[in-house]
Amino acid sequence: MIDNLSVETLSLSRTEALCGYPFDFMQAEATEQDDAALHDHRKNLAGLAMKNAIPYENLPDPNKHAAIVNRLRESSAVYYELQQLVRLLILFREWRAAEEPVLASVVPFSISQHPC
């Protein structure tokens, strides 16, 4: 469920639409335009996908590419933080589920049983 709408997944479609090839804009090196990845991606496009691709002359230059990545990072920052919180809650839920059998196996200590 979370993976389908993660920032990482969404970034692939946004970067392809804006920069000409899909990549995760949250990666540190994403501000650098990867010409090899761009050309590899475009040579594997077929039919309608190639027709809908950004024409070569309209692809962003390296400076515009970096600006696009920074804008995408800024606009998705709150969503990314929310996603991280949801992931943390899921981990807590998994931890609690794993902890329950352990806690259930421990004999509960009663204050009335205490010798003092």
Protein backbone atom coordinates (compact mmCIF):
# COMPACT_ATOMS: atom_id res chain seq x y z
CA MET A 1 0.00 0.00 0.00
CA ILE A 2 2.63 2.55 1.03
CA ASP A 3 5.06 1.51 -1.68
CA ASN A 4 2.57 2.39 -4.43
CA LEU A 5 2.41 6.03 -3.36
CA SER A 6 5.88 6.47 -1.93
CA VAL A 7 7.93 9.54 -2.81
CA GLU A 8 10.40 7.21 -4.50
CA THR A 9 7.73 5.71 -6.76
CA LEU A 10 6.08 9.04 -7.52
CA SER A 11 9.43 10.64 -8.26
CA LEU A 12 10.00 8.25 -11.16
CA SER A 13 6.95 9.49 -13.05
CA ARG A 14 7.56 13.16 -12.20
CA THR A 15 11.21 13.13 -13.24
CA GLU A 16 10.44 11.30 -16.47
CA ALA A 17 7.78 13.89 -17.31
CA LEU A 18 9.97 16.87 -16.41
CA CYS A 19 13.53 15.70 -17.09
CA GLY A 20 13.09 13.05 -19.78
CA TYR A 21 14.10 9.97 -17.77
CA PRO A 22 12.97 8.40 -14.49
CA PHE A 23 15.10 8.68 -11.35
CA ASP A 24 14.62 9.13 -7.61
CA PHE A 25 15.03 12.84 -6.97
CA MET A 26 15.65 12.18 -3.27
CA GLN A 27 19.04 10.60 -4.05
CA ALA A 28 22.02 12.85 -3.31
CA GLU A 29 23.37 12.75 -6.88
CA ALA A 30 19.98 13.48 -8.47
CA THR A 31 20.79 17.15 -9.08
CA GLU A 32 23.43 16.04 -11.59
CA GLN A 33 21.95 15.26 -15.00
CA ASP A 34 22.78 11.68 -15.99
CA ASP A 35 23.18 11.76 -19.77
CA ALA A 36 23.88 8.02 -19.96
CA ALA A 37 20.66 7.19 -18.06
CA LEU A 38 18.73 9.65 -20.23
CA HIS A 39 19.96 8.13 -23.49
CA ASP A 40 19.55 4.54 -22.24
CA HIS A 41 15.98 5.29 -21.21
CA ARG A 42 15.09 6.97 -24.48
CA LYS A 43 16.54 4.25 -26.68
CA ASN A 44 14.31 1.71 -24.89
CA LEU A 45 11.10 3.70 -25.42
CA ALA A 46 8.76 2.36 -28.06
CA GLY A 47 5.76 3.63 -29.98
CA LEU A 48 3.44 5.87 -28.00
CA ALA A 49 5.91 6.28 -25.14
CA MET A 50 8.52 7.70 -27.52
CA LYS A 51 5.92 9.88 -29.20
CA ASN A 52 4.92 11.32 -25.79
CA ALA A 53 8.51 11.78 -24.60
CA ILE A 54 9.99 15.26 -24.29
CA PRO A 55 11.62 16.19 -27.62
CA TYR A 56 15.42 16.32 -27.39
CA GLU A 57 15.45 20.07 -28.02
CA ASN A 58 13.12 20.64 -25.04
CA LEU A 59 15.08 18.56 -22.52
CA PRO A 60 16.34 20.64 -19.60
CA ASP A 61 19.97 21.72 -19.52
CA PRO A 62 22.03 20.75 -16.43
CA ASN A 63 21.12 23.95 -14.55
CA LYS A 64 17.41 23.59 -15.23
CA HIS A 65 17.64 19.89 -14.32
CA ALA A 66 19.11 20.80 -10.91
CA ALA A 67 16.41 23.45 -10.41
CA ILE A 68 13.67 20.92 -11.22
CA VAL A 69 15.11 18.41 -8.74
CA ASN A 70 15.35 21.04 -6.01
CA ARG A 71 11.79 22.21 -6.68
CA LEU A 72 10.51 18.61 -6.54
CA ARG A 73 12.35 18.05 -3.25
CA GLU A 74 10.91 21.22 -1.74
CA SER A 75 7.37 20.51 -2.86
CA SER A 76 7.45 16.92 -1.60
CA ALA A 77 9.24 17.53 1.72
CA VAL A 78 6.08 17.46 3.85
CA TYR A 79 4.77 14.39 2.03
CA TYR A 80 8.14 12.66 2.49
CA GLU A 81 8.12 13.41 6.23
CA LEU A 82 4.57 12.07 6.52
CA GLN A 83 5.62 8.94 4.64
CA GLN A 84 8.51 8.44 7.08
CA LEU A 85 6.11 8.79 10.04
CA VAL A 86 3.78 6.20 8.54
CA ARG A 87 6.72 3.84 8.05
CA LEU A 88 7.71 4.39 11.68
CA LEU A 89 4.17 3.62 12.87
CA ILE A 90 4.17 0.42 10.83
CA LEU A 91 7.47 -0.60 12.43
CA PHE A 92 6.02 0.11 15.89
CA ARG A 93 2.94 -1.98 15.05
CA GLU A 94 5.16 -4.86 13.88
CA TRP A 95 7.30 -4.53 16.99
CA ARG A 96 4.20 -4.58 19.21
CA ALA A 97 2.85 -7.65 17.41
CA ALA A 98 6.15 -9.45 17.96
CA GLU A 99 6.26 -8.30 21.57
CA GLU A 100 2.73 -9.47 22.50
CA PRO A 101 3.48 -13.21 22.67
CA VAL A 102 6.56 -12.52 24.79
CA LEU A 103 4.58 -10.36 27.21
CA ALA A 104 1.77 -12.91 27.35
CA SER A 105 4.21 -15.63 28.37
CA VAL A 106 5.50 -13.64 31.35
CA VAL A 107 3.63 -14.26 34.59
CA PRO A 108 2.17 -10.93 35.64
CA PHE A 109 3.66 -9.59 38.84
CA SER A 110 1.08 -8.56 41.39
CA ILE A 111 1.80 -5.86 43.95
CA SER A 112 -0.21 -7.84 46.52
CA GLN A 113 2.27 -10.70 46.13
CA HIS A 114 5.20 -8.45 47.02
CA PRO A 115 6.70 -9.37 50.48
CA CYS A 116 7.05 -5.77 51.68
